[in-house]
Amino acid sequence: MKIKIGILGGSGYTGIELLRILLNHENAEVTVITSRKYAGRKADTVFPSLSGLTSLSFTEPDLQEIASSCDIVFTCVPHQTAMNVVPFLLEKGLKVIDLSADFRLRDQRVYEEWYQEHSAAQYLGEAVYGLPEIYRDVIASARLIANPGCYPTSCILPMFPLLKAGLVMAEGIIIDSKSGTSGAGRSTSIATLFCEVNEGFKAYKVAEHRHTPEIEQEFSVAAGSPVTINFTPHLVPMSRGILSTIYAMPVRGTAERDIRECLEYAYSDSPFVQVLPEGTFPNVLNVRGTNLCHMAVKVDPRTGRVIVCSVIDNLCRGASGQAVQNMNLMYGLDEGTGLASVALYP
């Protein structure tokens, strides 16, 4: 079986990461990859890392052409742009995996509070939040997937089982996350210039980052009641990777062993989530270029606080790799198809 695939917005980091992964996917045939900036140019001349691997050229985003030549479309376009094109693609009978934030929040009011007015709110109830380890069954029958954000992926994977099992308190959760600069996208920005980032380390969007309500939404589902968090992202001078350190209080009587066993049980059948052995803590270097999430847990004996650490590659597990994992589930394939890779080291 060959799945005919369109990548809408293919010249950004997530778009080109998708193409890289799909070129090695035995069931995938990328038929269209769009870019207004590079329309008419061959993909492997714009991105020499693909030299000799594809004959595709970037095209203008013609939705009629995409609808007639694809089974599924990955929309790697900015917020608000996605909501303007997804309804057309769905009406034409295509499946869609949206890598923007436009369909991640189920509550229209919350979306509009953190982003902008939503012009396709009728699809918010249908869109499935695409975290495979949690929503695997409903992803399989969905036609619209809201691919999770990178920071939320790194936080929800370790915390969802703990909140669902009632092992940690839902109040007072603090998240401290660090990301490489590719998380800011490929567009030119003074803030991500080499001289601005190299040898620097800073917090940004403190108490106002747009991924906050996405994390709170899924934590609330797990806990069964509304959850409010403190989330602080940081920018570090590396190209890829996210490290999230999460602080929570355990429910009385919960030991570190209980927390580790809960995570190990929750992800025992999940090929891309690994709970590290006691005393070992994750390093972004060990997941670079993969769809893996490594996590570890420690209970501070002085404060009694649970400290959970997780790492992902923000472009792969935090975006394009996870999107392909979702596609695999939608088409009844092994979820790891096309995603088997060993981390780059060093």
Protein backbone atom coordinates (compact mmCIF):
# COMPACT_ATOMS: atom_id res chain seq x y z
CA MET A 1 0.00 0.00 0.00
CA LYS A 2 1.27 3.42 -0.97
CA ILE A 3 -0.17 6.45 0.81
CA LYS A 4 -0.14 9.55 -1.39
CA ILE A 5 0.99 12.45 0.74
CA GLY A 6 1.01 16.21 0.47
CA ILE A 7 3.14 18.48 2.62
CA LEU A 8 1.62 21.95 2.76
CA GLY A 9 4.32 24.36 3.85
CA GLY A 10 7.28 22.15 3.12
CA SER A 11 10.26 24.49 3.41
CA GLY A 12 10.16 25.08 7.16
CA TYR A 13 11.97 22.89 9.65
CA THR A 14 8.96 20.64 10.30
CA GLY A 15 8.15 20.33 6.59
CA ILE A 16 11.62 19.30 5.57
CA GLU A 17 11.88 16.96 8.56
CA LEU A 18 8.69 15.29 7.37
CA LEU A 19 10.14 14.83 3.90
CA ARG A 20 13.34 13.37 5.37
CA ILE A 21 11.37 10.80 7.34
CA LEU A 22 8.86 9.96 4.60
CA LEU A 23 11.58 9.31 2.02
CA ASN A 24 12.49 6.26 4.13
CA HIS A 25 8.88 5.16 4.71
CA GLU A 26 8.03 2.04 2.71
CA ASN A 27 4.32 2.90 2.46
CA ALA A 28 4.67 6.62 1.71
CA GLU A 29 4.72 8.47 -1.60
CA VAL A 30 5.07 12.22 -1.28
CA THR A 31 3.31 13.65 -4.32
CA VAL A 32 3.18 17.36 -3.45
CA ILE A 33 5.37 19.63 -1.35
CA THR A 34 4.52 23.32 -1.35
CA SER A 35 6.41 26.52 -0.70
CA ARG A 36 5.59 30.00 -1.95
CA LYS A 37 9.20 31.07 -1.47
CA TYR A 38 10.81 28.17 -3.33
CA ALA A 39 8.07 27.30 -5.86
CA GLY A 40 9.62 25.80 -9.00
CA ARG A 41 12.86 24.81 -7.32
CA LYS A 42 13.89 21.22 -6.65
CA ALA A 43 13.78 20.23 -3.02
CA ASP A 44 17.27 18.78 -3.05
CA THR A 45 18.79 22.00 -4.37
CA VAL A 46 17.11 24.06 -1.66
CA PHE A 47 18.10 21.46 0.95
CA PRO A 48 21.36 19.74 -0.15
CA SER A 49 20.97 17.23 2.69
CA LEU A 50 18.40 15.57 0.39
CA SER A 51 20.71 15.55 -2.63
CA GLY A 52 19.97 12.59 -4.89
CA LEU A 53 17.18 11.31 -2.63
CA THR A 54 14.17 12.99 -4.25
CA SER A 55 13.14 14.49 -7.57
CA LEU A 56 10.33 16.55 -6.01
CA SER A 57 10.08 20.26 -6.66
CA PHE A 58 8.32 22.80 -4.50
CA THR A 59 5.04 24.10 -5.91
CA GLU A 60 2.64 26.90 -5.13
CA PRO A 61 -0.04 25.78 -2.61
CA ASP A 62 -2.84 24.90 -5.03
CA LEU A 63 -5.50 23.23 -2.88
CA GLN A 64 -7.38 21.76 -5.83
CA GLU A 65 -4.21 20.08 -7.08
CA ILE A 66 -3.42 18.79 -3.62
CA ALA A 67 -6.93 17.39 -3.21
CA SER A 68 -6.73 15.53 -6.51
CA SER A 69 -3.32 13.96 -5.93
CA CYS A 70 -3.20 13.12 -2.21
CA ASP A 71 -4.81 10.83 0.34
CA ILE A 72 -3.54 12.75 3.34
CA VAL A 73 -2.02 16.18 3.89
CA PHE A 74 0.35 17.38 6.57
CA THR A 75 -0.31 21.08 7.14
CA CYS A 76 2.98 22.62 8.27
CA VAL A 77 1.72 26.18 8.09
CA PRO A 78 1.38 28.93 10.72
CA HIS A 79 -1.50 29.24 13.14
CA GLN A 80 -4.60 30.77 11.52
CA THR A 81 -3.37 29.74 8.07
CA ALA A 82 -4.19 26.11 8.89
CA MET A 83 -7.78 26.82 9.90
CA ASN A 84 -8.30 28.46 6.50
CA VAL A 85 -7.24 25.41 4.48
CA VAL A 86 -8.12 22.37 6.61
CA PRO A 87 -11.91 22.58 6.07
CA PHE A 88 -11.46 22.50 2.27
CA LEU A 89 -9.20 19.44 2.46
CA LEU A 90 -11.62 17.59 4.73
CA GLU A 91 -14.57 18.43 2.48
CA LYS A 92 -12.65 16.90 -0.43
CA GLY A 93 -12.36 13.63 1.47
CA LEU A 94 -8.71 13.88 2.51
CA LYS A 95 -7.27 13.08 5.90
CA VAL A 96 -5.32 15.87 7.59
CA ILE A 97 -2.59 16.00 10.21
CA ASP A 98 -2.22 19.61 11.30
CA LEU A 99 1.10 20.62 12.82
CA SER A 100 -0.08 24.09 13.81
CA ALA A 101 -1.94 24.86 17.03
CA ASP A 102 -5.27 25.58 15.33
CA PHE A 103 -7.05 22.38 16.37
CA ARG A 104 -5.18 21.37 19.54
CA LEU A 105 -7.42 23.20 22.00
CA ARG A 106 -10.91 21.79 22.33
CA ASP A 107 -12.38 24.95 23.86
CA GLN A 108 -12.85 27.76 21.31
CA ARG A 109 -12.83 30.37 24.06
CA VAL A 110 -9.45 29.20 25.34
CA TYR A 111 -8.02 29.13 21.81
CA GLU A 112 -9.14 32.67 21.11
CA GLU A 113 -7.79 33.88 24.46
CA TRP A 114 -4.27 32.62 23.64
CA TYR A 115 -4.20 32.89 19.83
CA GLN A 116 -6.80 34.66 17.69
CA GLU A 117 -10.36 34.32 16.43
CA HIS A 118 -11.10 30.81 15.15
CA SER A 119 -12.80 30.57 11.75
CA ALA A 120 -13.22 26.78 11.73
CA ALA A 121 -14.35 26.13 15.29
CA GLN A 122 -16.86 23.53 14.08
CA TYR A 123 -13.93 21.10 13.72
CA LEU A 124 -12.53 21.54 17.24
CA GLY A 125 -14.78 18.82 18.62
CA GLU A 126 -13.82 16.40 15.86
CA ALA A 127 -10.06 16.92 15.89
CA VAL A 128 -8.19 14.21 17.80
CA TYR A 129 -5.23 15.29 19.90
CA GLY A 130 -2.41 13.33 18.32
CA LEU A 131 -0.44 11.94 21.23
CA PRO A 132 -0.32 8.29 20.13
CA GLU A 133 0.51 6.67 23.46
CA ILE A 134 -2.58 8.22 25.04
CA TYR A 135 -5.09 8.45 22.18
CA ARG A 136 -3.96 5.54 20.02
CA ASP A 137 -7.43 4.02 19.54
CA VAL A 138 -9.24 7.21 18.50
CA ILE A 139 -6.37 8.32 16.28
CA ALA A 140 -6.85 5.14 14.24
CA SER A 141 -10.34 6.17 13.13
CA ALA A 142 -9.82 9.92 12.85
CA ARG A 143 -9.69 12.08 9.73
CA LEU A 144 -8.29 15.20 11.47
CA ILE A 145 -5.34 15.00 13.84
CA ALA A 146 -4.10 17.94 15.86
CA ASN A 147 -0.40 17.15 16.17
CA PRO A 148 0.77 18.18 19.67
CA GLY A 149 3.22 20.98 20.33
CA CYS A 150 6.81 20.14 21.16
CA TYR A 151 6.86 21.41 24.74
CA PRO A 152 3.50 19.76 25.54
CA THR A 153 4.72 16.42 24.18
CA SER A 154 7.72 16.49 26.51
CA CYS A 155 5.51 17.29 29.51
CA ILE A 156 2.32 15.32 28.91
CA LEU A 157 4.02 11.99 28.21
CA PRO A 158 5.62 11.71 31.67
CA MET A 159 2.83 13.36 33.67
CA PHE A 160 -0.37 11.96 32.14
CA PRO A 161 -0.06 8.46 33.69
CA LEU A 162 0.88 9.90 37.10
CA LEU A 163 -2.06 12.30 37.20
CA LYS A 164 -4.45 9.65 35.89
CA ALA A 165 -3.32 7.19 38.55
CA GLY A 166 -3.64 9.84 41.27
CA LEU A 167 -0.02 9.45 42.35
CA VAL A 168 0.79 13.17 42.23
CA MET A 169 -1.21 16.19 43.27
CA ALA A 170 -2.77 18.27 40.49
CA GLU A 171 -2.07 21.51 42.37
CA GLY A 172 1.24 23.37 42.30
CA ILE A 173 2.86 21.70 39.26
CA ILE A 174 5.88 23.62 37.98
CA ILE A 175 7.45 22.96 34.56
CA ASP A 176 10.88 24.21 33.57
CA SER A 177 11.64 23.49 29.88
CA LYS A 178 14.65 24.20 27.66
CA SER A 179 14.59 24.08 23.87
CA GLY A 180 16.99 24.35 20.98
CA THR A 181 16.56 27.25 18.57
CA SER A 182 14.88 25.25 15.79
CA GLY A 183 11.74 25.41 17.92
CA ALA A 184 11.43 29.05 16.87
CA GLY A 185 11.08 28.07 13.21
CA ARG A 186 13.13 28.87 10.13
CA SER A 187 12.00 32.46 9.56
CA THR A 188 14.58 35.17 10.08
CA SER A 189 14.54 36.63 13.59
CA ILE A 190 17.09 38.72 15.46
CA ALA A 191 16.39 36.69 18.59
CA THR A 192 17.67 33.49 16.96
CA LEU A 193 20.73 34.85 15.17
CA PHE A 194 23.95 32.99 16.03
CA CYS A 195 25.44 35.94 17.92
CA GLU A 196 22.24 36.35 19.93
CA VAL A 197 21.99 32.68 20.91
CA ASN A 198 25.56 31.38 21.07
CA GLU A 199 26.82 31.21 24.67
CA GLY A 200 23.46 32.52 25.84
CA PHE A 201 20.74 30.94 27.94
CA LYS A 202 17.49 32.74 28.67
CA ALA A 203 13.88 32.35 29.71
CA TYR A 204 11.27 33.73 27.35
CA LYS A 205 7.50 34.23 27.25
CA VAL A 206 7.47 33.77 31.00
CA ALA A 207 3.96 33.07 32.29
CA GLU A 208 2.51 33.65 28.81
CA HIS A 209 3.70 30.91 26.46
CA ARG A 210 0.96 29.61 24.16
CA HIS A 211 1.69 25.99 24.94
CA THR A 212 0.50 26.53 28.52
CA PRO A 213 -3.24 25.91 27.86
CA GLU A 214 -2.41 22.85 25.76
CA ILE A 215 -0.51 21.29 28.65
CA GLU A 216 -3.24 22.28 31.10
CA GLN A 217 -5.91 20.78 28.85
CA GLU A 218 -4.30 17.34 28.83
CA PHE A 219 -3.26 17.43 32.48
CA SER A 220 -6.91 18.21 33.31
CA VAL A 221 -8.10 15.22 31.25
CA ALA A 222 -5.71 12.98 33.14
CA ALA A 223 -6.56 14.37 36.57
CA GLY A 224 -10.31 14.51 35.93
CA SER A 225 -10.47 18.12 37.13
CA PRO A 226 -9.05 21.49 36.02
CA VAL A 227 -5.29 21.82 36.41
CA THR A 228 -3.34 25.09 36.41
CA ILE A 229 0.44 25.04 35.99
CA ASN A 230 3.47 27.32 36.04
CA PHE A 231 5.32 26.82 32.74
CA THR A 232 8.59 28.57 31.90
CA PRO A 233 10.39 27.85 28.60
CA HIS A 234 14.06 28.63 28.00
CA LEU A 235 16.18 28.98 24.87
CA VAL A 236 19.52 27.20 24.82
CA PRO A 237 22.28 27.36 22.16
CA MET A 238 21.68 24.07 20.38
CA SER A 239 19.78 23.28 17.20
CA ARG A 240 17.54 20.42 18.37
CA GLY A 241 16.15 19.05 21.57
CA ILE A 242 13.93 19.75 24.56
CA LEU A 243 14.60 18.95 28.20
CA SER A 244 11.65 19.38 30.54
CA THR A 245 11.98 19.18 34.31
CA ILE A 246 8.63 18.89 36.09
CA TYR A 247 8.06 19.39 39.82
CA ALA A 248 5.00 18.00 41.61
CA MET A 249 4.01 16.81 45.06
CA PRO A 250 3.23 13.12 45.50
CA VAL A 251 0.01 12.01 47.09
CA ARG A 252 0.62 10.90 50.68
CA GLY A 253 2.06 7.42 50.82
CA THR A 254 3.39 7.43 47.25
CA ALA A 255 7.02 6.29 46.96
CA GLU A 256 9.48 6.87 44.15
CA ARG A 257 9.19 3.19 43.26
CA ASP A 258 5.42 3.59 42.76
CA ILE A 259 5.94 6.47 40.34
CA ARG A 260 8.58 4.65 38.31
CA GLU A 261 6.48 1.49 38.13
CA CYS A 262 3.46 3.51 36.99
CA LEU A 263 5.43 5.00 34.10
CA GLU A 264 6.98 1.66 33.18
CA TYR A 265 3.56 -0.01 33.09
CA ALA A 266 1.94 2.85 31.15
CA TYR A 267 4.55 2.67 28.41
CA SER A 268 5.39 -1.03 28.41
CA ASP A 269 3.88 -1.40 24.91
CA SER A 270 5.10 1.94 23.55
CA PRO A 271 8.19 1.63 21.34
CA PHE A 272 9.11 5.30 21.51
CA VAL A 273 8.91 5.95 25.25
CA GLN A 274 11.67 4.71 27.51
CA VAL A 275 11.75 5.01 31.29
CA LEU A 276 15.41 5.11 32.26
CA PRO A 277 16.86 3.00 35.07
CA GLU A 278 17.01 4.39 38.58
CA GLY A 279 19.84 6.91 38.94
CA THR A 280 20.06 7.63 35.19
CA PHE A 281 18.77 10.93 33.85
CA PRO A 282 17.97 11.84 30.24
CA ASN A 283 20.17 13.82 27.87
CA VAL A 284 18.86 15.43 24.68
CA LEU A 285 21.93 14.13 22.87
CA ASN A 286 20.64 10.57 23.26
CA VAL A 287 17.38 11.21 21.36
CA ARG A 288 18.68 13.55 18.66
CA GLY A 289 17.16 12.71 15.28
CA THR A 290 14.77 10.11 16.74
CA ASN A 291 11.11 9.80 17.70
CA LEU A 292 12.05 8.74 21.22
CA CYS A 293 11.11 10.22 24.56
CA HIS A 294 13.41 9.36 27.46
CA MET A 295 12.20 10.03 30.99
CA ALA A 296 13.36 9.55 34.56
CA VAL A 297 12.02 10.24 38.03
CA LYS A 298 13.45 11.17 41.42
CA VAL A 299 11.80 12.05 44.74
CA ASP A 300 13.74 14.65 46.69
CA PRO A 301 14.08 13.15 50.21
CA ARG A 302 14.36 16.65 51.77
CA THR A 303 11.36 18.34 50.18
CA GLY A 304 9.34 15.25 49.29
CA ARG A 305 8.80 16.71 45.83
CA VAL A 306 8.64 14.48 42.73
CA ILE A 307 11.07 15.57 40.01
CA VAL A 308 10.40 14.16 36.55
CA CYS A 309 12.79 14.79 33.66
CA SER A 310 12.08 14.07 30.01
CA VAL A 311 13.83 14.71 26.70
CA ILE A 312 12.71 14.68 23.07
CA ASP A 313 13.94 15.92 19.72
CA ASN A 314 11.60 18.87 19.17
CA LEU A 315 11.54 18.50 15.36
CA CYS A 316 11.04 14.73 15.32
CA ARG A 317 9.16 13.50 18.39
CA GLY A 318 7.91 17.02 19.04
CA ALA A 319 6.58 17.53 15.51
CA SER A 320 7.24 15.58 12.31
CA GLY A 321 8.11 12.16 13.69
CA GLN A 322 5.03 12.18 15.88
CA ALA A 323 2.97 13.25 12.84
CA VAL A 324 4.20 10.19 10.91
CA GLN A 325 3.48 7.99 13.92
CA ASN A 326 -0.09 9.33 13.82
CA MET A 327 -0.34 8.68 10.08
CA ASN A 328 0.76 5.10 10.61
CA LEU A 329 -2.03 4.54 13.12
CA MET A 330 -4.60 6.16 10.81
CA TYR A 331 -3.72 3.68 8.05
CA GLY A 332 -3.47 0.57 10.20
CA LEU A 333 0.31 0.33 9.93
CA ASP A 334 2.76 -0.50 12.67
CA GLU A 335 3.19 2.86 14.41
CA GLY A 336 6.96 2.63 14.11
CA THR A 337 7.00 2.30 10.31
CA GLY A 338 9.57 4.68 8.83
CA LEU A 339 10.66 5.88 12.26
CA ALA A 340 13.32 3.36 13.23
CA SER A 341 16.50 5.38 13.72
CA VAL A 342 19.41 5.49 16.12
CA ALA A 343 20.25 8.78 17.79
CA LEU A 344 23.15 10.74 16.33
CA TYR A 345 26.15 10.60 18.66
CA PRO A 346 27.95 12.78 19.47
